[in-house]
């Protein structure tokens, strides 16, 4: 057992220190983080484009919908749409000569607060219509951070490349210098030779995967924020058909595992 442990630790030392494995892992992580900063785009672009207005209205309806929030949402949406329509009508009346420039400015100023936030309200209203269908399990929450974290089903190329760069030398280097012939001459050398390297490979893959997953979590927190991890998973439209009862935070750790 002592020999096995020493051999196992030696493989780790050789992988991470002698072959600069720690540098490979760190480089892959930094490159991936930079790649995300450059190419990542929000799932709901309109929400980011009009985020200040979106959050202005979201604070009143965030969480589980009730009749008070529903009435407030419907009233605000109607006022916002009506204000935009009235401003357009005011400009039309001014250009046709029905009202003076001063009257037009007064009417526009009167409706300005609702009209300027129309785009943000419109982005929120689409989310509201989805949540209202099943308010018991669909909560109102800012979705872009959770969407970026949970809806990522693409192959992580940086993880795969880092794993290949680390594991190919682990299995092949001994064959290049014929050390494998020496291992075969020892008691159970051939079996131990494969067992130790396979164990190192499995543990390395698991740790590297967790490392990259936590890195993605940190990125989403920094760029978007991940509010209300306790809200139901079905709050995201992507998981509308999910039959399991779990929170957004629980879903992240389950998917990570």
Protein backbone atom coordinates (compact mmCIF):
# COMPACT_ATOMS: atom_id res chain seq x y z
CA UNK A 1 0.00 0.00 0.00
CA UNK A 2 2.82 2.37 0.88
CA UNK A 3 4.49 1.72 -2.47
CA UNK A 4 1.21 2.35 -4.29
CA UNK A 5 0.67 5.65 -2.50
CA UNK A 6 4.24 6.76 -3.20
CA UNK A 7 3.86 5.82 -6.87
CA UNK A 8 0.53 7.65 -7.07
CA UNK A 9 2.00 10.81 -5.53
CA UNK A 10 5.01 10.55 -7.80
CA UNK A 11 2.74 10.52 -10.84
CA UNK A 12 1.03 13.67 -9.59
CA UNK A 13 4.35 15.40 -8.94
CA UNK A 14 5.63 14.43 -12.36
CA UNK A 15 2.44 15.63 -14.03
CA UNK A 16 1.93 18.95 -12.27
CA UNK A 17 5.49 20.04 -11.46
CA UNK A 18 8.03 18.27 -13.67
CA UNK A 19 5.91 18.67 -16.81
CA UNK A 20 4.53 22.07 -15.81
CA UNK A 21 0.95 20.76 -15.66
CA UNK A 22 -0.08 23.59 -13.35
CA UNK A 23 0.99 26.08 -16.04
CA UNK A 24 -1.11 24.28 -18.67
CA UNK A 25 -4.18 24.40 -16.40
CA UNK A 26 -3.68 28.06 -15.52
CA UNK A 27 -3.08 29.05 -19.14
CA UNK A 28 -6.20 27.22 -20.35
CA UNK A 29 -8.26 28.86 -17.62
CA UNK A 30 -7.00 32.37 -18.43
CA UNK A 31 -7.51 31.87 -22.18
CA UNK A 32 -11.03 30.60 -21.65
CA UNK A 33 -11.87 33.50 -19.33
CA UNK A 34 -10.61 35.96 -21.94
CA UNK A 35 -12.56 34.15 -24.64
CA UNK A 36 -15.77 34.46 -22.62
CA UNK A 37 -15.17 38.17 -22.07
CA UNK A 38 -14.85 38.69 -25.83
CA UNK A 39 -17.51 36.43 -27.35
CA UNK A 40 -20.12 35.92 -24.64
CA UNK A 41 -23.47 37.50 -25.49
CA UNK A 42 -26.58 37.71 -23.30
CA UNK A 43 -29.46 35.35 -23.93
CA UNK A 44 -31.91 38.28 -23.79
CA UNK A 45 -30.18 41.17 -25.56
CA UNK A 46 -33.03 43.67 -25.04
CA UNK A 47 -32.79 43.27 -21.28
CA UNK A 48 -29.11 44.27 -21.33
CA UNK A 49 -29.71 47.07 -23.82
CA UNK A 50 -32.38 48.64 -21.61
CA UNK A 51 -31.23 47.19 -18.31
CA UNK A 52 -31.65 50.30 -16.16
CA UNK A 53 -35.28 50.68 -17.27
CA UNK A 54 -35.85 46.93 -17.01
CA UNK A 55 -34.56 46.85 -13.42
CA UNK A 56 -36.61 49.94 -12.57
CA UNK A 57 -39.80 47.98 -13.21
CA UNK A 58 -38.47 44.58 -12.11
CA UNK A 59 -38.01 45.73 -8.52
CA UNK A 60 -41.79 46.06 -8.20
CA UNK A 61 -42.69 42.58 -9.47
CA UNK A 62 -39.63 40.47 -8.58
CA UNK A 63 -40.33 37.07 -7.06
CA UNK A 64 -43.59 35.15 -7.02
CA UNK A 65 -46.46 36.86 -8.80
CA UNK A 66 -49.60 37.76 -6.86
CA UNK A 67 -52.64 39.78 -7.78
CA UNK A 68 -51.12 43.01 -6.52
CA UNK A 69 -48.05 42.55 -8.72
CA UNK A 70 -50.17 41.46 -11.68
CA UNK A 71 -52.41 44.53 -11.41
CA UNK A 72 -49.39 46.80 -11.02
CA UNK A 73 -47.69 45.23 -14.03
CA UNK A 74 -50.74 45.49 -16.26
CA UNK A 75 -51.37 49.10 -15.23
CA UNK A 76 -47.76 50.15 -15.76
CA UNK A 77 -47.55 48.39 -19.12
CA UNK A 78 -50.74 50.11 -20.27
CA UNK A 79 -49.46 53.51 -19.14
CA UNK A 80 -46.13 52.95 -20.88
CA UNK A 81 -47.76 51.91 -24.17
CA UNK A 82 -50.30 54.74 -23.96
CA UNK A 83 -47.56 57.31 -23.26
CA UNK A 84 -45.59 56.20 -26.29
CA UNK A 85 -48.71 56.39 -28.43
CA UNK A 86 -49.67 59.84 -27.10
CA UNK A 87 -46.20 61.23 -27.74
CA UNK A 88 -46.33 59.99 -31.32
CA UNK A 89 -49.77 61.60 -31.68
CA UNK A 90 -48.50 64.89 -30.20
CA UNK A 91 -45.70 65.09 -32.75
CA UNK A 92 -48.15 64.22 -35.51
CA UNK A 93 -50.52 67.00 -34.39
CA UNK A 94 -47.63 69.48 -34.25
CA UNK A 95 -46.43 68.65 -37.77
CA UNK A 96 -49.97 68.93 -39.16
CA UNK A 97 -50.44 72.28 -37.42
CA UNK A 98 -53.15 71.21 -34.99
CA UNK A 99 -51.14 72.27 -31.92
CA UNK A 100 -48.30 74.72 -31.29
CA UNK A 101 -44.71 73.77 -30.49
CA UNK A 102 -45.21 74.82 -26.86
CA UNK A 103 -48.30 72.62 -26.49
CA UNK A 104 -46.44 69.71 -28.10
CA UNK A 105 -43.54 70.09 -25.67
CA UNK A 106 -45.92 70.18 -22.70
CA UNK A 107 -47.71 67.01 -23.81
CA UNK A 108 -44.46 65.19 -24.51
CA UNK A 109 -42.98 66.24 -21.17
CA UNK A 110 -46.09 65.00 -19.39
CA UNK A 111 -45.68 61.49 -20.81
CA UNK A 112 -41.89 61.41 -20.96
CA UNK A 113 -41.24 59.31 -17.83
CA UNK A 114 -43.38 56.42 -19.06
CA UNK A 115 -42.33 56.67 -22.71
CA UNK A 116 -38.55 56.62 -22.19
CA UNK A 117 -38.84 53.36 -20.27
CA UNK A 118 -41.08 51.68 -22.85
CA UNK A 119 -38.35 49.36 -24.18
CA UNK A 120 -37.40 48.17 -20.70
CA UNK A 121 -41.05 47.57 -19.84
CA UNK A 122 -41.55 45.69 -23.10
CA UNK A 123 -38.63 43.34 -22.31
CA UNK A 124 -40.02 42.74 -18.83
CA UNK A 125 -43.57 42.22 -20.09
CA UNK A 126 -42.56 39.26 -22.27
CA UNK A 127 -41.02 37.60 -19.22
CA UNK A 128 -44.12 38.46 -17.18
CA UNK A 129 -46.43 36.73 -19.68
CA UNK A 130 -44.36 33.55 -19.34
CA UNK A 131 -44.34 33.68 -15.52
CA UNK A 132 -48.07 34.39 -15.27
CA UNK A 133 -48.93 31.06 -16.96
CA UNK A 134 -47.73 29.14 -13.87
CA UNK A 135 -47.03 31.67 -11.10
CA UNK A 136 -46.57 28.96 -8.46
CA UNK A 137 -43.29 27.78 -10.02
CA UNK A 138 -42.30 30.59 -12.38
CA UNK A 139 -40.90 33.57 -10.53
CA UNK A 140 -39.84 36.94 -11.90
CA UNK A 141 -36.04 37.09 -11.80
CA UNK A 142 -33.31 38.77 -13.84
CA UNK A 143 -32.52 35.87 -16.22
CA UNK A 144 -29.34 36.60 -18.18
CA UNK A 145 -26.85 35.48 -15.55
CA UNK A 146 -28.62 32.19 -14.87
CA UNK A 147 -29.20 31.62 -18.58
CA UNK A 148 -25.48 32.02 -19.30
CA UNK A 149 -24.62 29.62 -16.46
CA UNK A 150 -27.24 26.90 -16.89
CA UNK A 151 -28.06 26.92 -20.60
CA UNK A 152 -24.50 26.36 -21.77
CA UNK A 153 -24.67 22.96 -23.51
CA UNK A 154 -21.74 23.44 -25.88
CA UNK A 155 -18.52 21.44 -25.77
CA UNK A 156 -15.85 23.15 -23.65
CA UNK A 157 -13.00 23.04 -26.14
CA UNK A 158 -10.51 24.60 -23.73
CA UNK A 159 -11.18 21.90 -21.15
CA UNK A 160 -10.75 19.13 -23.73
CA UNK A 161 -7.50 20.56 -25.10
CA UNK A 162 -6.05 21.08 -21.63
CA UNK A 163 -6.97 17.51 -20.69
CA UNK A 164 -5.34 16.11 -23.83
CA UNK A 165 -2.16 18.14 -23.31
CA UNK A 166 -1.92 16.77 -19.77
CA UNK A 167 -2.89 13.15 -20.33
CA UNK A 168 -1.07 12.26 -23.55
CA UNK A 169 2.39 12.70 -21.99
CA UNK A 170 1.15 10.92 -18.86
CA UNK A 171 0.55 7.71 -20.82
CA UNK A 172 3.08 8.07 -23.63
CA UNK A 173 6.26 9.48 -22.11
CA UNK A 174 7.35 6.18 -20.54
CA UNK A 175 7.06 4.44 -23.90
CA UNK A 176 9.29 7.04 -25.53
CA UNK A 177 12.15 6.37 -23.10
CA UNK A 178 11.35 2.62 -22.65
CA UNK A 179 10.61 2.93 -18.92
CA UNK A 180 7.56 0.74 -19.52
CA UNK A 181 9.92 -2.24 -20.02
CA UNK A 182 11.30 -1.68 -16.54
CA UNK A 183 7.82 -1.53 -15.01
CA UNK A 184 6.85 -4.83 -16.61
CA UNK A 185 9.74 -6.61 -14.86
CA UNK A 186 8.48 -5.69 -11.37
CA UNK A 187 5.80 -7.59 -9.40
CA UNK A 188 2.40 -6.63 -10.82
CA UNK A 189 4.24 -3.80 -12.57
CA UNK A 190 2.17 -3.89 -15.73
CA UNK A 191 -1.12 -3.76 -13.81
CA UNK A 192 0.04 -1.07 -11.39
CA UNK A 193 1.47 0.91 -14.28
CA UNK A 194 -2.00 1.26 -15.79
CA UNK A 195 -3.97 1.50 -12.54
CA UNK A 196 -2.02 4.45 -11.17
CA UNK A 197 -2.14 6.40 -14.40
CA UNK A 198 -5.84 5.69 -14.89
CA UNK A 199 -6.60 6.85 -11.34
CA UNK A 200 -4.60 10.03 -11.90
CA UNK A 201 -6.46 10.61 -15.19
CA UNK A 202 -9.93 10.24 -13.65
CA UNK A 203 -9.14 12.50 -10.69
CA UNK A 204 -7.48 15.07 -12.95
CA UNK A 205 -10.48 15.16 -15.30
CA UNK A 206 -12.89 15.62 -12.37
CA UNK A 207 -10.84 18.37 -10.71
CA UNK A 208 -10.19 20.16 -13.99
CA UNK A 209 -13.88 20.05 -14.86
CA UNK A 210 -14.82 21.46 -11.45
CA UNK A 211 -12.15 24.15 -11.80
CA UNK A 212 -13.51 25.28 -15.17
CA UNK A 213 -17.11 25.15 -13.92
CA UNK A 214 -16.33 27.35 -10.94
CA UNK A 215 -14.48 29.68 -13.32
CA UNK A 216 -17.63 29.98 -15.44
CA UNK A 217 -19.62 30.66 -12.26
CA UNK A 218 -17.25 33.50 -11.32
CA UNK A 219 -17.52 34.94 -14.83
CA UNK A 220 -21.34 34.97 -14.72
CA UNK A 221 -21.32 36.62 -11.29
CA UNK A 222 -18.92 39.31 -12.47
CA UNK A 223 -20.63 40.08 -15.78
CA UNK A 224 -24.31 39.60 -15.01
CA UNK A 225 -24.90 38.73 -11.37
CA UNK A 226 -26.84 35.70 -10.14
CA UNK A 227 -29.68 36.97 -7.95
CA UNK A 228 -32.08 34.77 -6.04
CA UNK A 229 -30.52 31.32 -6.34
CA UNK A 230 -33.46 30.02 -4.28
CA UNK A 231 -36.04 30.72 -7.00
CA UNK A 232 -37.49 27.72 -8.92
CA UNK A 233 -35.60 26.45 -11.96
CA UNK A 234 -38.73 26.84 -14.08
CA UNK A 235 -38.37 30.62 -13.73
CA UNK A 236 -36.17 30.32 -16.84
CA UNK A 237 -38.19 29.66 -20.00
CA UNK A 238 -35.47 27.24 -21.17
CA UNK A 239 -36.48 24.86 -18.35
CA UNK A 240 -40.23 25.36 -18.66
CA UNK A 241 -40.80 21.64 -19.24
CA UNK A 242 -38.52 20.42 -16.45
CA UNK A 243 -40.50 18.01 -14.21
CA UNK A 244 -38.14 18.32 -11.23
CA UNK A 245 -38.67 20.66 -8.30
CA UNK A 246 -35.38 22.43 -7.59
CA UNK A 247 -33.95 25.91 -7.26
CA UNK A 248 -31.63 27.68 -9.66
CA UNK A 249 -28.71 27.20 -7.29
CA UNK A 250 -29.42 23.49 -6.83
CA UNK A 251 -29.65 23.04 -10.59
CA UNK A 252 -26.20 24.58 -11.03
CA UNK A 253 -24.51 22.16 -8.62
CA UNK A 254 -26.37 19.17 -10.04
CA UNK A 255 -25.32 20.07 -13.59
CA UNK A 256 -21.79 20.74 -12.39
CA UNK A 257 -21.57 17.29 -10.80
